[in-house]
Amino acid sequence: MPSHLSADHPAAQPPGRGSVEALISQTRRLKGDVDAVRQDARGDGSDPQERWQRALCDLALHQLSDLDTHLGQLRDGPPPVPCAPRHDSLLSRVGSAEWNLLTDEATWSGELYQILGRDPATPALTLDELPSLVLDEDRAKLTAMVTDCLVDAKPIDGEFRIVRPDDEVRTVHMMGEPVLDTDGSTASMWAVLRDVSELRRSQKAVSETRDSLQRHQHRAQTEHRLAVELQEAVLPPWRGSLRLPQQRPETLDLAAHHLPSSTSALIGGDWYDALELPDGQTLLSVGDLTGHGVAVASGMATLLGAVRGMAMAGTEPGQLMSWLNQLLDATVQPALGTAVCCRYRPETRTLTWAQAAHPAPLLFRNGTGRRLHAPNGVLLGASSQASYQQAEETLEPGDLLLLHTDGLVPGRRSKETVSGEQLLDLAPRFGEAATAQDCVRMVVEEYGEADRENDACLLVAKVR
């Protein structure tokens, strides 16, 4: 075949064998590294990010395999005896052609016959006949590329789709240049045609999985924002300390804090609440609805609203838990939850409380602490016929009550056991604290930076 630029230009010298061998070694090492990354990205296909990573690795491996093959051809040079490559070989995806404009002859390589699905015994198609293999919508593109090459001596670099005799559609990338005669006129045109169907399919898979990942991330960000806004709208608006009841000398000094998960951006269903009731008593509650996201935050808002409404109506904690359980059992989306609900009577300093499979409150007095003995109560939503008992505890001035949700103190053992033991160790420090806010600050300083899989809440009440 004549020189790519002009028939009277000398042929370029092939590169040294050693430099090509080095490139081949680098390519194969890189293929191994990419394949290792692909193996690490394997999953069950449910994660959009994993699908995108796997598709991107497949595309990179496809391109590196092509590069490895082409470098091997460059190293070995043309074979002494032409041979037809296997149909599934990488070599079968690259063919060449030359069209002599002076004699109207066409010469195709065996690989090009195979790419186009043509019988090698048949004559090669001329430039005028070539568009008959091309999809109707791509013929104008091919005609324009060939015309620009022959008339204006512009290089060809473009793609079009062909239909093989078996009706299979393949995508072909064509690169070529005119070969000029001694008088500067176009004598012939050469071209290298490459079957890039698999490459384009891999690129399409990367694009589709990337788009899917972006939609998933956008949806996750939107849901997270909505869950955060819903949580902030539902949880008590007060920050710092609060005293309830506000118009009585016997009050509870209150402080609370919500600790987000350190391993997940998802919002859970944890809540805390303190509310002055019409009869002068004070409602204290904490709870946790299983799961994460907008639906769970919405369910948490429903439960907290129900707790407040029933408490305002004078419902005792045990009955309140029973009705809360029935409410959760009757929801459209079944869910499970835990909770503890307390009513504090300031004139007698009596705490009446009930719980649903939730860590019992911790009581700190005179530098020591203990967990209150829990009355019977099962998980909310587990059984529609469940009943909940309640207990009473008489508090004293200076007592400190701490309510919390699971996972406040991360650990390998039972969350309740770990949280209880480690929080009780803070008893001497709590004894020196002047306010409930000081106690909350101690807990946050001690455990706020710990690796926490889920959200957690704590509510501290100091008896005045």
Protein backbone atom coordinates (compact mmCIF):
# COMPACT_ATOMS: atom_id res chain seq x y z
CA MET A 1 0.00 0.00 0.00
CA PRO A 2 1.38 3.49 -0.75
CA SER A 3 2.39 5.91 1.93
CA HIS A 4 -0.49 7.30 3.98
CA LEU A 5 0.28 10.85 2.95
CA SER A 6 1.68 10.70 -0.51
CA ALA A 7 2.92 8.06 -2.94
CA ASP A 8 6.33 9.75 -3.26
CA HIS A 9 7.02 10.00 0.52
CA PRO A 10 9.44 7.44 2.06
CA ALA A 11 7.86 4.85 4.39
CA ALA A 12 8.30 5.42 8.13
CA GLN A 13 10.68 3.12 9.96
CA PRO A 14 9.15 0.75 12.54
CA PRO A 15 9.92 1.43 16.21
CA GLY A 16 12.55 -0.55 18.07
CA ARG A 17 11.39 -3.95 19.32
CA GLY A 18 12.58 -3.27 22.87
CA SER A 19 10.53 -0.10 23.29
CA VAL A 20 7.37 -1.84 22.04
CA GLU A 21 7.98 -4.80 24.40
CA ALA A 22 8.16 -2.33 27.29
CA LEU A 23 4.85 -0.80 26.26
CA ILE A 24 3.26 -4.26 26.01
CA SER A 25 4.50 -5.14 29.51
CA GLN A 26 3.13 -1.90 30.92
CA THR A 27 -0.21 -2.47 29.20
CA ARG A 28 -0.54 -6.01 30.57
CA ARG A 29 0.37 -4.90 34.10
CA LEU A 30 -2.23 -2.18 33.86
CA LYS A 31 -4.80 -4.72 32.64
CA GLY A 32 -4.09 -6.84 35.70
CA ASP A 33 -4.52 -3.85 38.01
CA VAL A 34 -7.79 -2.82 36.37
CA ASP A 35 -9.10 -6.39 36.53
CA ALA A 36 -8.29 -6.48 40.26
CA VAL A 37 -10.28 -3.28 40.75
CA ARG A 38 -13.16 -4.82 38.77
CA GLN A 39 -13.16 -7.90 41.01
CA ASP A 40 -13.36 -5.64 44.09
CA ALA A 41 -16.34 -3.84 42.54
CA ARG A 42 -18.42 -7.02 42.27
CA GLY A 43 -21.76 -7.01 44.05
CA ASP A 44 -25.30 -8.23 43.64
CA GLY A 45 -26.07 -5.53 41.05
CA SER A 46 -28.44 -3.59 43.29
CA ASP A 47 -26.06 -0.68 43.96
CA PRO A 48 -25.99 1.88 41.08
CA GLN A 49 -22.45 2.94 41.98
CA GLU A 50 -21.21 -0.66 41.82
CA ARG A 51 -22.84 -1.12 38.39
CA TRP A 52 -21.21 2.07 37.11
CA GLN A 53 -17.78 1.05 38.45
CA ARG A 54 -18.05 -2.40 36.89
CA ALA A 55 -19.10 -0.99 33.49
CA LEU A 56 -16.23 1.50 33.57
CA CYS A 57 -13.74 -1.29 34.37
CA ASP A 58 -15.16 -3.40 31.52
CA LEU A 59 -14.65 -0.49 29.11
CA ALA A 60 -11.08 0.08 30.32
CA LEU A 61 -10.25 -3.64 29.97
CA HIS A 62 -11.75 -3.66 26.47
CA GLN A 63 -9.59 -0.73 25.37
CA LEU A 64 -6.46 -2.11 27.05
CA SER A 65 -6.98 -5.47 25.31
CA ASP A 66 -7.18 -3.69 21.97
CA LEU A 67 -4.03 -1.72 22.82
CA ASP A 68 -2.21 -4.92 23.77
CA THR A 69 -3.16 -6.53 20.45
CA HIS A 70 -2.18 -3.52 18.35
CA LEU A 71 1.18 -3.25 20.11
CA GLY A 72 1.75 -6.93 19.40
CA GLN A 73 1.09 -6.32 15.71
CA LEU A 74 3.47 -3.36 15.79
CA ARG A 75 6.16 -5.54 17.38
CA ASP A 76 5.76 -8.54 15.11
CA GLY A 77 5.10 -6.74 11.84
CA PRO A 78 2.88 -8.12 9.07
CA PRO A 79 2.73 -11.93 8.91
CA PRO A 80 4.72 -13.51 6.05
CA VAL A 81 1.69 -15.49 4.90
CA PRO A 82 -1.77 -13.89 5.19
CA CYS A 83 -4.05 -15.87 7.44
CA ALA A 84 -7.63 -15.36 8.49
CA PRO A 85 -7.92 -14.60 12.21
CA ARG A 86 -10.50 -16.30 14.40
CA HIS A 87 -13.92 -14.70 14.28
CA ASP A 88 -13.73 -13.78 18.00
CA SER A 89 -10.13 -12.52 17.81
CA LEU A 90 -9.27 -8.90 18.42
CA LEU A 91 -7.41 -8.94 15.10
CA SER A 92 -10.68 -9.67 13.31
CA ARG A 93 -11.99 -6.26 14.35
CA VAL A 94 -9.46 -4.26 12.23
CA GLY A 95 -9.35 -4.37 8.45
CA SER A 96 -7.92 -2.24 5.64
CA ALA A 97 -8.92 -1.19 2.16
CA GLU A 98 -7.59 0.79 -0.81
CA TRP A 99 -9.58 2.21 -3.70
CA ASN A 100 -7.67 3.08 -6.89
CA LEU A 101 -9.42 5.95 -8.58
CA LEU A 102 -7.46 5.55 -11.82
CA THR A 103 -8.39 1.89 -12.41
CA ASP A 104 -11.58 1.82 -10.29
CA GLU A 105 -10.21 -1.21 -8.48
CA ALA A 106 -10.81 -1.95 -4.82
CA THR A 107 -8.61 -4.05 -2.55
CA TRP A 108 -9.82 -5.32 0.84
CA SER A 109 -8.00 -7.25 3.52
CA GLY A 110 -9.46 -10.55 4.72
CA GLU A 111 -10.29 -8.93 8.06
CA LEU A 112 -12.45 -6.29 6.34
CA TYR A 113 -14.42 -8.99 4.55
CA GLN A 114 -15.03 -10.59 7.92
CA ILE A 115 -16.05 -7.30 9.60
CA LEU A 116 -18.55 -6.53 6.86
CA GLY A 117 -19.78 -10.12 6.67
CA ARG A 118 -18.86 -10.44 2.98
CA ASP A 119 -17.69 -13.55 1.17
CA PRO A 120 -13.93 -13.19 0.44
CA ALA A 121 -14.52 -14.79 -2.96
CA THR A 122 -16.65 -11.85 -4.07
CA PRO A 123 -15.13 -8.65 -5.47
CA ALA A 124 -14.46 -5.79 -3.06
CA LEU A 125 -17.04 -3.03 -3.28
CA THR A 126 -16.10 0.23 -4.92
CA LEU A 127 -16.56 3.57 -3.18
CA ASP A 128 -19.83 4.01 -5.07
CA GLU A 129 -21.07 0.59 -3.90
CA LEU A 130 -19.90 0.82 -0.29
CA PRO A 131 -22.92 2.90 0.93
CA SER A 132 -25.20 -0.04 0.05
CA LEU A 133 -23.97 -1.74 3.24
CA VAL A 134 -24.65 1.28 5.44
CA LEU A 135 -27.81 2.07 7.41
CA ASP A 136 -29.97 4.62 5.61
CA GLU A 137 -29.53 7.26 8.32
CA ASP A 138 -25.71 6.97 8.17
CA ARG A 139 -25.21 6.99 4.39
CA ALA A 140 -25.07 10.78 4.11
CA LYS A 141 -22.31 10.86 6.74
CA LEU A 142 -20.19 8.30 4.85
CA THR A 143 -20.75 10.06 1.52
CA ALA A 144 -19.70 13.41 2.99
CA MET A 145 -16.51 11.94 4.52
CA VAL A 146 -15.47 10.26 1.26
CA THR A 147 -16.27 13.36 -0.82
CA ASP A 148 -14.24 15.62 1.49
CA CYS A 149 -11.34 13.20 1.27
CA LEU A 150 -11.34 12.88 -2.52
CA VAL A 151 -12.10 16.50 -3.39
CA ASP A 152 -10.48 18.50 -0.58
CA ALA A 153 -7.86 15.94 0.52
CA LYS A 154 -9.29 15.91 4.05
CA PRO A 155 -8.50 12.89 6.25
CA ILE A 156 -11.38 10.56 7.06
CA ASP A 157 -12.15 9.98 10.71
CA GLY A 158 -15.69 8.95 11.53
CA GLU A 159 -18.14 6.17 12.31
CA PHE A 160 -21.12 4.64 10.63
CA ARG A 161 -23.27 1.56 11.06
CA ILE A 162 -23.38 -1.27 8.55
CA VAL A 163 -25.88 -4.10 8.11
CA ARG A 164 -24.30 -7.50 7.56
CA PRO A 165 -25.98 -10.14 5.36
CA ASP A 166 -27.23 -11.86 8.53
CA ASP A 167 -29.02 -8.55 9.45
CA GLU A 168 -26.64 -7.91 12.34
CA VAL A 169 -25.89 -4.20 12.75
CA ARG A 170 -22.25 -3.33 13.52
CA THR A 171 -20.58 0.00 14.20
CA VAL A 172 -17.46 0.68 12.13
CA HIS A 173 -14.87 3.41 12.70
CA MET A 174 -13.11 4.49 9.50
CA MET A 175 -9.80 6.37 9.24
CA GLY A 176 -8.24 7.15 5.87
CA GLU A 177 -6.41 9.62 3.67
CA PRO A 178 -6.03 10.32 -0.03
CA VAL A 179 -2.89 9.15 -1.83
CA LEU A 180 -1.69 11.88 -4.15
CA ASP A 181 -0.18 11.39 -7.59
CA THR A 182 2.98 13.18 -8.71
CA ASP A 183 0.91 16.03 -10.08
CA GLY A 184 -0.90 16.48 -6.78
CA SER A 185 -4.17 14.90 -7.87
CA THR A 186 -5.83 12.12 -5.87
CA ALA A 187 -4.78 8.74 -7.23
CA SER A 188 -6.32 6.50 -4.62
CA MET A 189 -7.71 6.41 -1.14
CA TRP A 190 -6.68 4.05 1.67
CA ALA A 191 -8.55 3.39 4.86
CA VAL A 192 -8.39 1.37 8.06
CA LEU A 193 -11.80 0.19 9.28
CA ARG A 194 -12.30 -1.03 12.82
CA ASP A 195 -15.30 -2.83 14.26
CA VAL A 196 -16.03 -0.81 17.41
CA SER A 197 -19.42 -2.34 18.19
CA GLU A 198 -18.35 -3.91 21.47
CA LEU A 199 -16.47 -0.77 22.47
CA ARG A 200 -19.50 1.42 21.85
CA ARG A 201 -21.70 -1.00 23.78
CA SER A 202 -19.29 -0.80 26.72
CA GLN A 203 -19.27 3.00 26.51
CA LYS A 204 -23.07 3.01 26.40
CA ALA A 205 -23.18 0.79 29.49
CA VAL A 206 -20.85 3.20 31.31
CA SER A 207 -23.00 6.16 30.30
CA GLU A 208 -26.23 4.46 31.34
CA THR A 209 -24.88 3.30 34.69
CA ARG A 210 -23.39 6.75 35.29
CA ASP A 211 -26.74 8.35 34.59
CA SER A 212 -28.44 5.82 36.85
CA LEU A 213 -25.91 6.55 39.60
CA GLN A 214 -26.44 10.29 39.24
CA ARG A 215 -30.21 9.87 39.46
CA HIS A 216 -29.79 7.63 42.50
CA GLN A 217 -27.47 10.15 44.18
CA HIS A 218 -29.81 13.04 43.39
CA ARG A 219 -32.77 11.10 44.78
CA ALA A 220 -30.77 10.16 47.90
CA GLN A 221 -29.72 13.79 48.43
CA THR A 222 -33.30 14.97 48.03
CA GLU A 223 -34.62 12.35 50.43
CA HIS A 224 -31.90 13.16 52.94
CA ARG A 225 -32.72 16.87 52.79
CA LEU A 226 -36.44 16.16 53.25
CA ALA A 227 -35.73 13.78 56.16
CA VAL A 228 -33.51 16.36 57.86
CA GLU A 229 -36.08 19.12 57.39
CA LEU A 230 -38.84 16.86 58.71
CA GLN A 231 -36.78 15.84 61.71
CA GLU A 232 -35.89 19.43 62.53
CA ALA A 233 -39.55 20.46 62.20
CA VAL A 234 -40.78 17.73 64.54
CA LEU A 235 -38.20 17.60 67.32
CA PRO A 236 -38.57 20.20 70.12
CA PRO A 237 -37.39 23.62 68.96
CA TRP A 238 -35.64 24.53 72.19
CA ARG A 239 -31.88 24.46 72.37
CA GLY A 240 -29.84 24.61 75.55
CA SER A 241 -31.79 24.17 78.79
CA LEU A 242 -35.51 24.30 79.54
CA ARG A 243 -37.46 24.31 82.80
CA LEU A 244 -40.85 22.63 83.12
CA PRO A 245 -43.41 23.35 84.47
CA GLN A 246 -42.64 26.98 83.90
CA GLN A 247 -44.96 28.49 86.53
CA ARG A 248 -44.13 26.24 89.52
CA PRO A 249 -41.26 26.23 92.00
CA GLU A 250 -40.82 22.43 91.70
CA THR A 251 -39.39 22.11 88.21
CA LEU A 252 -37.30 19.87 86.04
CA ASP A 253 -34.15 21.36 84.52
CA LEU A 254 -34.12 19.79 81.02
CA ALA A 255 -31.54 19.45 78.24
CA ALA A 256 -31.37 17.15 75.21
CA HIS A 257 -29.20 16.36 72.22
CA HIS A 258 -29.43 14.43 68.95
CA LEU A 259 -26.27 12.66 67.75
CA PRO A 260 -26.21 11.71 64.03
CA SER A 261 -24.70 8.52 62.68
CA SER A 262 -20.97 8.69 61.99
CA THR A 263 -21.06 5.98 59.31
CA SER A 264 -24.18 6.89 57.32
CA ALA A 265 -25.79 10.05 55.99
CA LEU A 266 -29.23 8.47 56.35
CA ILE A 267 -31.61 9.95 58.91
CA GLY A 268 -33.10 7.51 61.40
CA GLY A 269 -36.30 7.59 63.41
CA ASP A 270 -34.92 8.63 66.81
CA TRP A 271 -36.77 11.28 68.81
CA TYR A 272 -36.87 12.99 72.17
CA ASP A 273 -39.54 15.22 73.64
CA ALA A 274 -40.45 17.24 76.73
CA LEU A 275 -43.82 18.91 77.07
CA GLU A 276 -45.75 20.71 79.82
CA LEU A 277 -49.22 19.16 80.14
CA PRO A 278 -52.49 20.97 81.01
CA ASP A 279 -52.64 19.41 84.50
CA GLY A 280 -49.21 20.79 85.40
CA GLN A 281 -47.37 17.53 84.87
CA THR A 282 -44.47 17.13 82.46
CA LEU A 283 -44.19 14.62 79.62
CA LEU A 284 -40.76 13.10 78.92
CA SER A 285 -40.30 10.66 76.05
CA VAL A 286 -37.66 9.19 73.79
CA GLY A 287 -38.09 6.59 71.07
CA ASP A 288 -36.75 5.02 67.92
CA LEU A 289 -38.55 3.82 64.79
CA THR A 290 -36.58 1.21 62.86
CA GLY A 291 -35.18 2.12 59.44
CA HIS A 292 -33.89 5.24 57.73
CA GLY A 293 -35.04 7.87 55.27
CA VAL A 294 -38.06 10.04 54.57
CA ALA A 295 -40.64 7.32 55.27
CA VAL A 296 -39.14 6.61 58.69
CA ALA A 297 -38.85 10.31 59.54
CA SER A 298 -42.49 10.72 58.54
CA GLY A 299 -43.48 7.74 60.70
CA MET A 300 -41.53 9.17 63.60
CA ALA A 301 -43.40 12.46 63.20
CA THR A 302 -46.71 10.56 63.31
CA LEU A 303 -45.76 8.67 66.47
CA LEU A 304 -44.46 11.76 68.25
CA GLY A 305 -47.61 13.66 67.34
CA ALA A 306 -49.71 10.80 68.74
CA VAL A 307 -47.67 10.71 71.96
CA ARG A 308 -48.16 14.44 72.49
CA GLY A 309 -51.88 14.32 71.70
CA MET A 310 -52.62 11.40 74.03
CA ALA A 311 -50.50 12.87 76.82
CA MET A 312 -52.28 16.22 76.51
CA ALA A 313 -55.57 14.32 76.87
CA GLY A 314 -54.39 12.86 80.18
CA THR A 315 -53.60 9.31 79.02
CA GLU A 316 -51.38 7.41 81.43
CA PRO A 317 -48.06 6.00 80.06
CA GLY A 318 -49.16 2.33 80.04
CA GLN A 319 -52.38 2.99 78.13
CA LEU A 320 -50.55 5.45 75.90
CA MET A 321 -48.09 2.72 74.87
CA SER A 322 -50.94 0.30 74.09
CA TRP A 323 -52.67 2.79 71.80
CA LEU A 324 -49.34 3.76 70.23
CA ASN A 325 -48.73 0.08 69.48
CA GLN A 326 -52.14 -0.24 67.83
CA LEU A 327 -51.48 2.88 65.77
CA LEU A 328 -48.17 1.52 64.51
CA ASP A 329 -49.72 -1.88 63.81
CA ALA A 330 -52.46 -0.24 61.70
CA THR A 331 -50.16 1.86 59.51
CA VAL A 332 -50.01 1.19 55.77
CA GLN A 333 -46.27 0.53 55.95
CA PRO A 334 -45.61 -1.91 58.80
CA ALA A 335 -42.84 -0.77 61.10
CA LEU A 336 -41.34 -1.55 64.47
CA GLY A 337 -40.33 0.88 67.18
CA THR A 338 -39.20 1.27 70.76
CA ALA A 339 -40.11 4.03 73.19
CA VAL A 340 -40.19 5.12 76.81
CA CYS A 341 -42.83 7.57 78.05
CA CYS A 342 -42.85 9.30 81.45
CA ARG A 343 -45.22 11.64 83.30
CA TYR A 344 -43.66 13.66 86.10
CA ARG A 345 -45.89 15.06 88.87
CA PRO A 346 -43.94 17.99 90.42
CA GLU A 347 -45.92 18.35 93.67
CA THR A 348 -45.07 14.78 94.74
CA ARG A 349 -41.94 14.38 92.56
CA THR A 350 -43.43 11.14 91.25
CA LEU A 351 -42.36 9.67 87.93
CA THR A 352 -44.85 7.32 86.26
CA TRP A 353 -43.48 5.58 83.21
CA ALA A 354 -43.87 2.75 80.69
CA GLN A 355 -41.63 1.33 78.01
CA ALA A 356 -41.78 -0.69 74.79
CA ALA A 357 -38.60 -2.79 74.47
CA HIS A 358 -36.59 0.36 75.15
CA PRO A 359 -33.63 0.99 77.46
CA ALA A 360 -34.98 2.00 80.87
CA PRO A 361 -34.14 5.48 82.22
CA LEU A 362 -30.98 5.89 84.28
CA LEU A 363 -31.32 7.49 87.73
CA PHE A 364 -28.32 9.26 89.26
CA ARG A 365 -28.35 10.21 92.96
CA ASN A 366 -25.56 11.32 95.31
CA GLY A 367 -22.76 10.39 92.91
CA THR A 368 -24.06 6.91 92.03
CA GLY A 369 -26.37 5.66 89.31
CA ARG A 370 -28.67 2.77 88.48
CA ARG A 371 -31.05 1.73 85.74
CA LEU A 372 -34.73 1.76 86.76
CA HIS A 373 -36.47 -1.61 86.88
CA ALA A 374 -38.50 -1.78 83.68
CA PRO A 375 -42.20 -2.74 83.62
CA ASN A 376 -43.29 -5.24 80.95
CA GLY A 377 -43.55 -3.93 77.40
CA VAL A 378 -42.86 -5.42 73.99
CA LEU A 379 -41.71 -3.85 70.74
CA LEU A 380 -44.18 -1.41 69.20
CA GLY A 381 -45.82 -2.91 66.12
CA ALA A 382 -44.86 -6.49 67.00
CA SER A 383 -48.27 -7.58 68.36
CA SER A 384 -51.59 -5.79 68.06
CA GLN A 385 -52.84 -7.37 71.33
CA ALA A 386 -49.84 -6.38 73.44
CA SER A 387 -50.41 -4.71 76.81
CA TYR A 388 -48.00 -2.42 78.62
CA GLN A 389 -47.50 -2.08 82.35
CA GLN A 390 -46.28 1.06 84.07
CA ALA A 391 -44.11 1.77 87.09
CA GLU A 392 -43.62 4.60 89.55
CA GLU A 393 -40.47 6.11 91.00
CA THR A 394 -40.26 8.83 93.64
CA LEU A 395 -37.52 11.31 92.89
CA GLU A 396 -35.63 13.62 95.21
CA PRO A 397 -34.22 17.12 94.75
CA GLY A 398 -30.90 16.90 92.97
CA ASP A 399 -31.75 13.61 91.24
CA LEU A 400 -30.75 13.29 87.63
CA LEU A 401 -32.77 11.26 85.12
CA LEU A 402 -31.21 10.27 81.77
CA LEU A 403 -33.32 8.87 78.90
CA HIS A 404 -31.60 7.68 75.73
CA THR A 405 -32.05 5.64 72.56
CA ASP A 406 -30.03 2.60 71.48
CA GLY A 407 -26.50 3.12 70.25
CA LEU A 408 -25.68 6.23 72.27
CA VAL A 409 -22.51 4.43 73.38
CA PRO A 410 -21.32 2.10 70.58
CA GLY A 411 -20.01 -1.32 71.61
CA ARG A 412 -19.81 -4.97 70.61
CA ARG A 413 -22.15 -6.29 73.29
CA SER A 414 -25.83 -5.52 73.75
CA LYS A 415 -26.33 -1.81 73.09
CA GLU A 416 -28.42 -1.44 76.23
CA THR A 417 -25.77 -3.16 78.37
CA VAL A 418 -22.91 -1.15 76.92
CA SER A 419 -24.74 2.18 77.09
CA GLY A 420 -25.97 1.54 80.64
CA GLU A 421 -22.64 0.47 82.10
CA GLN A 422 -20.61 3.22 80.52
CA LEU A 423 -23.14 5.97 81.21
CA LEU A 424 -23.40 4.87 84.83
CA ASP A 425 -19.64 5.36 85.10
CA LEU A 426 -20.30 9.08 84.61
CA ALA A 427 -22.19 9.25 87.92
CA PRO A 428 -19.42 11.02 89.91
CA ARG A 429 -19.08 13.68 87.22
CA PHE A 430 -22.86 14.12 86.99
CA GLY A 431 -22.91 14.67 90.76
CA GLU A 432 -20.72 17.73 90.31
CA ALA A 433 -22.74 19.14 87.38
CA ALA A 434 -24.75 22.27 88.08
CA THR A 435 -27.29 21.89 85.25
CA ALA A 436 -28.79 19.29 82.94
CA GLN A 437 -27.03 21.01 80.05
CA ASP A 438 -23.67 20.38 81.75
CA CYS A 439 -24.51 16.66 81.89
CA VAL A 440 -25.48 16.56 78.21
CA ARG A 441 -22.22 18.29 77.37
CA MET A 442 -20.28 15.63 79.32
CA VAL A 443 -21.98 12.80 77.40
CA VAL A 444 -21.37 14.49 74.03
CA GLU A 445 -17.72 15.17 74.86
CA GLU A 446 -17.28 11.54 75.95
CA TYR A 447 -19.14 9.75 73.15
CA GLY A 448 -20.06 12.31 70.50
CA GLU A 449 -17.11 11.45 68.22
CA ALA A 450 -17.48 7.66 68.56
CA ASP A 451 -18.20 5.48 65.51
CA ARG A 452 -21.99 5.24 65.60
CA GLU A 453 -23.94 3.17 63.07
CA ASN A 454 -27.28 4.88 63.79
CA ASP A 455 -28.65 8.12 65.18
CA ALA A 456 -29.02 8.45 68.94
CA CYS A 457 -30.82 10.82 71.31
CA LEU A 458 -30.47 11.63 74.98
CA LEU A 459 -32.73 13.64 77.29
CA VAL A 460 -31.54 14.72 80.76
CA ALA A 461 -33.86 15.94 83.53
CA LYS A 462 -32.50 17.34 86.80
CA VAL A 463 -34.96 17.61 89.69
CA ARG A 464 -35.10 21.05 91.33
